[in-house]
Protein backbone atom coordinates (compact mmCIF):
# COMPACT_ATOMS: atom_id res chain seq x y z
CA MET A 1 105.27 70.13 93.56
CA GLU A 2 107.70 73.05 93.89
CA LEU A 3 106.85 74.35 90.40
CA GLU A 4 103.15 74.17 91.25
CA ASP A 5 103.77 76.14 94.47
CA ASP A 6 105.75 78.74 92.50
CA THR A 7 102.90 79.06 89.99
CA GLN A 8 100.38 79.45 92.80
CA ASN A 9 102.52 82.15 94.44
CA PHE A 10 102.92 83.94 91.09
CA ASP A 11 99.18 83.82 90.38
CA ALA A 12 98.30 84.94 93.90
CA ALA A 13 100.73 87.89 93.75
CA ALA A 14 99.44 88.99 90.34
CA GLU A 15 95.83 88.75 91.51
CA ARG A 16 96.60 90.81 94.64
CA MET A 17 98.17 93.56 92.51
CA ILE A 18 95.04 93.70 90.33
CA GLU A 19 92.84 93.80 93.41
CA LEU A 20 94.95 96.58 94.93
CA GLY A 21 94.72 98.65 91.75
CA ASN A 22 90.94 98.23 91.65
CA GLN A 23 90.68 99.07 95.35
CA LEU A 24 92.72 102.26 94.93
CA LEU A 25 90.55 103.35 92.00
CA ASP A 26 87.35 102.53 93.91
CA GLN A 27 88.48 104.60 96.93
CA ASP A 28 88.76 107.80 94.91
CA SER A 29 86.57 108.42 91.88
CA GLU A 30 89.00 111.16 90.79
CA SER A 31 91.92 108.71 90.62
CA ASP A 32 93.77 108.51 87.33
CA SER A 33 94.03 104.84 86.37
CA TRP A 34 97.30 105.50 84.53
CA GLU A 35 98.85 107.05 87.66
CA VAL A 36 97.66 104.17 89.84
CA ALA A 37 98.97 101.62 87.34
CA SER A 38 102.32 103.44 87.08
CA GLY A 39 102.63 103.53 90.87
CA LEU A 40 101.88 99.82 91.13
CA LEU A 41 104.43 99.10 88.41
CA ALA A 42 107.07 101.24 90.15
CA GLY A 43 106.50 99.39 93.41
CA ALA A 44 106.64 96.03 91.65
CA VAL A 45 109.90 96.99 89.91
CA HIS A 46 111.49 98.08 93.19
CA PHE A 47 110.42 94.88 94.90
CA TRP A 48 111.61 92.74 91.95
CA LEU A 49 115.03 94.41 92.02
CA TYR A 50 115.23 93.95 95.79
CA ALA A 51 114.31 90.26 95.49
CA HIS A 52 116.83 89.65 92.69
CA GLN A 53 119.97 90.97 94.33
CA PRO A 54 123.01 88.72 93.89
CA CYS A 55 124.11 86.90 97.03
CA GLY A 56 127.59 88.45 97.01
CA ASP A 57 129.53 85.25 96.29
CA LEU A 58 131.40 86.05 93.06
CA ASP A 59 131.56 82.33 92.23
CA CYS A 60 127.82 81.69 92.74
CA GLU A 61 126.46 80.02 89.61
CA SER A 62 122.85 80.77 90.60
CA CYS A 63 123.55 84.51 90.60
CA GLU A 64 125.49 84.57 87.32
CA GLU A 65 122.50 85.78 85.28
CA ILE A 66 121.79 88.67 87.71
CA ASP A 67 125.25 89.60 88.96
CA THR A 68 125.26 93.07 87.40
CA ALA A 69 122.68 95.84 87.29
CA GLN A 70 122.51 95.57 83.49
CA LYS A 71 121.85 91.81 83.62
CA ARG A 72 119.09 92.34 86.19
CA LEU A 73 117.51 95.05 84.06
CA GLU A 74 117.62 92.86 80.95
CA ARG A 75 115.99 89.98 82.84
CA LEU A 76 113.34 92.31 84.26
CA ILE A 77 112.55 93.75 80.81
CA GLU A 78 112.22 90.26 79.36
CA GLN A 79 109.81 89.24 82.12
CA VAL A 80 107.75 92.40 81.60
CA ARG A 81 107.69 91.77 77.82
CA GLN A 82 106.52 88.19 78.35
CA SER A 83 103.82 89.20 80.86
CA ALA A 84 102.58 91.96 78.56
CA SER A 85 102.43 89.79 75.46
CA GLU A 86 100.51 87.10 77.38
CA SER A 87 97.97 89.62 78.69
CA ASP A 88 94.40 89.73 77.41
CA TYR A 89 94.88 93.50 77.23
CA TYR A 90 97.99 93.45 75.01
CA HIS A 91 96.04 93.97 71.77
CA THR A 92 92.85 96.00 71.82
CA PRO A 93 90.36 96.95 69.14
CA GLN A 94 91.36 100.58 69.80
CA ASP A 95 95.00 99.99 68.79
CA ALA A 96 96.09 102.25 65.93
CA ASN A 97 97.22 99.19 63.98
CA ALA A 98 94.08 97.12 64.62
CA GLY A 99 92.52 95.94 61.41
CA SER A 100 88.86 95.76 60.58
CA ALA A 101 87.18 93.35 58.25
């Protein structure tokens, strides 16, 4: 049940970010979608880093994989890589390396 709750929370948070991006773009027709997306990403990164701070107990096994800034960054990059590669938008027909048959 806990894994299902975590998945629901993950999906809900991702959906809210998409909705927020669309809302920001809809509010101002002059908005640059790249700037909005970069701002959302920056906010998400800051929140992720805040949420993944080690507890401070040097012997905490749960914090071992995030107990340095470099370890947190590596974990964050891996999560971003996984999310990107699973996205429907990862490969597009407009990619420079897209083939045509």
